[in-house]
Amino acid sequence: MPEVWIPTTMQSLTGGQHRVQVEGRTVRQVINNLEQVYPGVKAILYDEEEDDLQAGVAVIVDGEASQIGLLERVQETSEVHFLPAIGGG
């Protein structure tokens, strides 16, 4: 199962766990399965109106920043990180 690293701001929803494992073959499926086990997670990560990740959230799969967000493929052995997006100027 993919291993999901939980940001500090969401760890209250996972009982303090900073890493969890959930099924999923895409980032979208991982988020949906996280929501099943840890209600409230999806609202933080997913923008229902835009059908995309929330603004300000980046997803890293196996060390690579995803350019396709929810559609990004996830392998059985993947590490998935949800991070605040970093902006600059």
N, C-alpha and C. Protein backbone atom coordinates (compact mmCIF):
# COMPACT_ATOMS: atom_id res chain seq x y z
N MET A 1 0.83 -1.18 0.00
CA MET A 1 0.00 0.00 0.00
C MET A 1 0.88 1.24 0.00
N PRO A 2 0.48 2.28 -0.73
CA PRO A 2 1.25 3.52 -0.69
C PRO A 2 1.32 4.07 0.73
N GLU A 3 2.45 4.68 1.03
CA GLU A 3 2.64 5.32 2.33
C GLU A 3 2.45 6.82 2.15
N VAL A 4 1.56 7.38 2.96
CA VAL A 4 1.23 8.80 2.86
C VAL A 4 1.82 9.51 4.09
N TRP A 5 2.62 10.53 3.82
CA TRP A 5 3.20 11.35 4.88
C TRP A 5 2.22 12.48 5.16
N ILE A 6 1.81 12.60 6.39
CA ILE A 6 0.77 13.54 6.78
C ILE A 6 1.41 14.83 7.30
N PRO A 7 1.03 15.98 6.73
CA PRO A 7 1.57 17.25 7.24
C PRO A 7 1.15 17.48 8.68
N THR A 8 1.96 18.20 9.41
CA THR A 8 1.69 18.48 10.82
C THR A 8 0.30 19.05 11.02
N THR A 9 -0.14 19.92 10.11
CA THR A 9 -1.45 20.57 10.25
C THR A 9 -2.61 19.59 10.15
N MET A 10 -2.38 18.39 9.62
CA MET A 10 -3.45 17.39 9.47
C MET A 10 -3.33 16.24 10.46
N GLN A 11 -2.27 16.20 11.23
CA GLN A 11 -2.04 15.05 12.11
C GLN A 11 -3.09 14.90 13.20
N SER A 12 -3.81 15.96 13.53
CA SER A 12 -4.89 15.83 14.51
C SER A 12 -6.00 14.93 13.96
N LEU A 13 -6.14 14.88 12.63
CA LEU A 13 -7.17 14.03 12.01
C LEU A 13 -6.75 12.57 11.94
N THR A 14 -5.44 12.31 12.04
CA THR A 14 -4.94 10.94 11.94
C THR A 14 -4.48 10.41 13.29
N GLY A 15 -4.97 11.01 14.36
CA GLY A 15 -4.59 10.56 15.69
C GLY A 15 -3.12 10.78 15.99
N GLY A 16 -2.53 11.81 15.38
CA GLY A 16 -1.13 12.13 15.62
C GLY A 16 -0.16 11.38 14.73
N GLN A 17 -0.66 10.49 13.90
CA GLN A 17 0.24 9.73 13.02
C GLN A 17 0.81 10.64 11.93
N HIS A 18 2.10 10.51 11.68
CA HIS A 18 2.70 11.32 10.62
C HIS A 18 2.88 10.53 9.32
N ARG A 19 2.64 9.23 9.38
CA ARG A 19 2.64 8.39 8.18
C ARG A 19 1.52 7.36 8.31
N VAL A 20 0.78 7.18 7.23
CA VAL A 20 -0.28 6.17 7.20
C VAL A 20 -0.22 5.45 5.85
N GLN A 21 -0.85 4.30 5.79
CA GLN A 21 -0.92 3.57 4.54
C GLN A 21 -2.38 3.41 4.13
N VAL A 22 -2.67 3.72 2.87
CA VAL A 22 -4.00 3.55 2.31
C VAL A 22 -3.87 3.07 0.88
N GLU A 23 -4.91 2.39 0.42
CA GLU A 23 -4.96 1.93 -0.97
C GLU A 23 -5.12 3.12 -1.90
N GLY A 24 -4.74 2.92 -3.14
CA GLY A 24 -4.96 3.93 -4.17
C GLY A 24 -3.98 3.77 -5.30
N ARG A 25 -4.48 3.95 -6.52
CA ARG A 25 -3.63 3.87 -7.72
C ARG A 25 -3.41 5.23 -8.34
N THR A 26 -4.16 6.24 -7.83
CA THR A 26 -3.96 7.63 -8.22
C THR A 26 -4.04 8.49 -6.96
N VAL A 27 -3.57 9.71 -7.07
CA VAL A 27 -3.66 10.63 -5.93
C VAL A 27 -5.12 10.82 -5.53
N ARG A 28 -6.03 10.90 -6.50
CA ARG A 28 -7.46 11.05 -6.19
C ARG A 28 -7.95 9.89 -5.33
N GLN A 29 -7.59 8.66 -5.69
CA GLN A 29 -8.02 7.49 -4.92
C GLN A 29 -7.41 7.50 -3.53
N VAL A 30 -6.16 7.91 -3.43
CA VAL A 30 -5.50 7.99 -2.12
C VAL A 30 -6.26 8.97 -1.22
N ILE A 31 -6.62 10.14 -1.75
CA ILE A 31 -7.35 11.13 -0.96
C ILE A 31 -8.72 10.57 -0.54
N ASN A 32 -9.42 9.95 -1.48
CA ASN A 32 -10.73 9.38 -1.14
C ASN A 32 -10.63 8.31 -0.06
N ASN A 33 -9.59 7.47 -0.15
CA ASN A 33 -9.41 6.42 0.85
C ASN A 33 -8.95 6.99 2.19
N LEU A 34 -8.14 8.04 2.16
CA LEU A 34 -7.78 8.72 3.41
C LEU A 34 -9.04 9.24 4.10
N GLU A 35 -9.95 9.81 3.33
CA GLU A 35 -11.18 10.36 3.89
C GLU A 35 -12.02 9.27 4.55
N GLN A 36 -12.02 8.07 3.98
CA GLN A 36 -12.78 6.96 4.56
C GLN A 36 -12.28 6.62 5.97
N VAL A 37 -10.97 6.66 6.14
CA VAL A 37 -10.36 6.28 7.41
C VAL A 37 -10.22 7.47 8.36
N TYR A 38 -9.93 8.65 7.79
CA TYR A 38 -9.68 9.85 8.58
C TYR A 38 -10.57 10.99 8.08
N PRO A 39 -11.85 10.99 8.49
CA PRO A 39 -12.77 12.02 8.02
C PRO A 39 -12.24 13.43 8.27
N GLY A 40 -12.42 14.28 7.26
CA GLY A 40 -11.96 15.66 7.35
C GLY A 40 -10.73 15.94 6.52
N VAL A 41 -9.98 14.89 6.18
CA VAL A 41 -8.76 15.05 5.40
C VAL A 41 -9.06 15.60 4.01
N LYS A 42 -10.10 15.09 3.40
CA LYS A 42 -10.41 15.47 2.02
C LYS A 42 -10.69 16.96 1.91
N ALA A 43 -11.38 17.54 2.87
CA ALA A 43 -11.70 18.97 2.83
C ALA A 43 -10.44 19.83 2.83
N ILE A 44 -9.38 19.34 3.43
CA ILE A 44 -8.13 20.09 3.50
C ILE A 44 -7.36 19.96 2.18
N LEU A 45 -7.45 18.80 1.54
CA LEU A 45 -6.64 18.53 0.35
C LEU A 45 -7.34 18.78 -0.98
N TYR A 46 -8.66 18.67 -1.00
CA TYR A 46 -9.41 18.64 -2.26
C TYR A 46 -10.39 19.80 -2.37
N ASP A 47 -10.33 20.49 -3.51
CA ASP A 47 -11.26 21.57 -3.82
C ASP A 47 -12.35 21.01 -4.70
N GLU A 48 -13.52 20.78 -4.10
CA GLU A 48 -14.63 20.15 -4.81
C GLU A 48 -15.10 20.99 -6.00
N GLU A 49 -15.15 22.28 -5.82
CA GLU A 49 -15.63 23.17 -6.88
C GLU A 49 -14.71 23.13 -8.10
N GLU A 50 -13.41 23.10 -7.86
CA GLU A 50 -12.43 23.07 -8.95
C GLU A 50 -12.09 21.65 -9.40
N ASP A 51 -12.52 20.65 -8.64
CA ASP A 51 -12.15 19.25 -8.88
C ASP A 51 -10.63 19.12 -9.04
N ASP A 52 -9.94 19.66 -8.04
CA ASP A 52 -8.48 19.68 -8.06
C ASP A 52 -7.99 19.75 -6.62
N LEU A 53 -6.68 19.69 -6.46
CA LEU A 53 -6.11 19.91 -5.14
C LEU A 53 -6.43 21.32 -4.70
N GLN A 54 -6.55 21.51 -3.39
CA GLN A 54 -6.76 22.85 -2.86
C GLN A 54 -5.61 23.75 -3.32
N ALA A 55 -5.93 25.02 -3.55
CA ALA A 55 -4.87 25.99 -3.84
C ALA A 55 -3.92 26.00 -2.65
N GLY A 56 -2.66 26.01 -2.92
CA GLY A 56 -1.68 26.02 -1.84
C GLY A 56 -1.26 24.64 -1.37
N VAL A 57 -1.74 23.58 -2.02
CA VAL A 57 -1.33 22.22 -1.67
C VAL A 57 -0.59 21.61 -2.86
N ALA A 58 0.58 21.07 -2.60
CA ALA A 58 1.34 20.36 -3.63
C ALA A 58 1.41 18.90 -3.23
N VAL A 59 1.47 18.02 -4.22
CA VAL A 59 1.63 16.59 -3.93
C VAL A 59 2.95 16.13 -4.55
N ILE A 60 3.68 15.39 -3.75
CA ILE A 60 4.96 14.82 -4.16
C ILE A 60 4.80 13.31 -4.13
N VAL A 61 5.06 12.66 -5.26
CA VAL A 61 4.96 11.20 -5.34
C VAL A 61 6.35 10.67 -5.68
N ASP A 62 6.87 9.84 -4.79
CA ASP A 62 8.19 9.24 -4.97
C ASP A 62 9.27 10.28 -5.27
N GLY A 63 9.19 11.40 -4.54
CA GLY A 63 10.22 12.42 -4.65
C GLY A 63 10.06 13.40 -5.79
N GLU A 64 9.01 13.25 -6.59
CA GLU A 64 8.79 14.14 -7.73
C GLU A 64 7.51 14.94 -7.53
N ALA A 65 7.62 16.26 -7.68
CA ALA A 65 6.43 17.12 -7.58
C ALA A 65 5.52 16.82 -8.76
N SER A 66 4.27 16.55 -8.46
CA SER A 66 3.31 16.22 -9.50
C SER A 66 2.84 17.46 -10.24
N GLN A 67 2.80 17.36 -11.55
CA GLN A 67 2.26 18.43 -12.37
C GLN A 67 0.81 18.16 -12.74
N ILE A 68 0.33 16.92 -12.48
CA ILE A 68 -1.03 16.56 -12.87
C ILE A 68 -1.93 16.27 -11.67
N GLY A 69 -1.45 16.53 -10.47
CA GLY A 69 -2.27 16.49 -9.26
C GLY A 69 -3.01 15.19 -9.04
N LEU A 70 -4.34 15.27 -9.05
CA LEU A 70 -5.20 14.13 -8.71
C LEU A 70 -5.01 12.95 -9.65
N LEU A 71 -4.56 13.20 -10.86
CA LEU A 71 -4.41 12.13 -11.85
C LEU A 71 -3.08 11.39 -11.73
N GLU A 72 -2.19 11.88 -10.90
CA GLU A 72 -0.87 11.27 -10.77
C GLU A 72 -1.00 9.81 -10.33
N ARG A 73 -0.29 8.94 -11.03
CA ARG A 73 -0.31 7.51 -10.70
C ARG A 73 0.49 7.26 -9.42
N VAL A 74 0.02 6.31 -8.65
CA VAL A 74 0.66 5.92 -7.40
C VAL A 74 0.87 4.41 -7.44
N GLN A 75 2.05 3.99 -7.10
CA GLN A 75 2.38 2.56 -7.08
C GLN A 75 2.16 1.99 -5.68
N GLU A 76 2.14 0.69 -5.61
CA GLU A 76 1.95 -0.01 -4.34
C GLU A 76 3.03 0.39 -3.32
N THR A 77 4.23 0.71 -3.79
CA THR A 77 5.34 1.04 -2.90
C THR A 77 5.64 2.54 -2.85
N SER A 78 4.74 3.36 -3.38
CA SER A 78 4.99 4.80 -3.45
C SER A 78 4.95 5.47 -2.10
N GLU A 79 5.69 6.59 -2.02
CA GLU A 79 5.58 7.53 -0.91
C GLU A 79 4.87 8.75 -1.45
N VAL A 80 3.83 9.19 -0.75
CA VAL A 80 3.05 10.35 -1.17
C VAL A 80 3.13 11.38 -0.06
N HIS A 81 3.51 12.60 -0.44
CA HIS A 81 3.60 13.71 0.52
C HIS A 81 2.68 14.82 0.05
N PHE A 82 1.87 15.34 0.95
CA PHE A 82 1.06 16.52 0.69
C PHE A 82 1.72 17.67 1.44
N LEU A 83 2.10 18.71 0.71
CA LEU A 83 2.83 19.82 1.29
C LEU A 83 2.21 21.15 0.91
N PRO A 84 2.37 22.14 1.77
CA PRO A 84 1.96 23.49 1.36
C PRO A 84 2.82 23.89 0.17
N ALA A 85 2.19 24.41 -0.87
CA ALA A 85 2.94 24.85 -2.04
C ALA A 85 3.83 26.03 -1.64
N ILE A 86 4.99 26.08 -2.25
CA ILE A 86 5.94 27.14 -1.95
C ILE A 86 5.89 28.17 -3.07
N GLY A 87 5.61 29.39 -2.71
CA GLY A 87 5.58 30.46 -3.70
C GLY A 87 6.76 31.39 -3.47
N GLY A 88 7.06 32.12 -4.47
CA GLY A 88 8.18 33.04 -4.32
C GLY A 88 7.95 34.27 -5.18
N GLY A 89 8.83 35.17 -5.04
CA GLY A 89 8.67 36.37 -5.85
C GLY A 89 9.89 37.21 -5.86
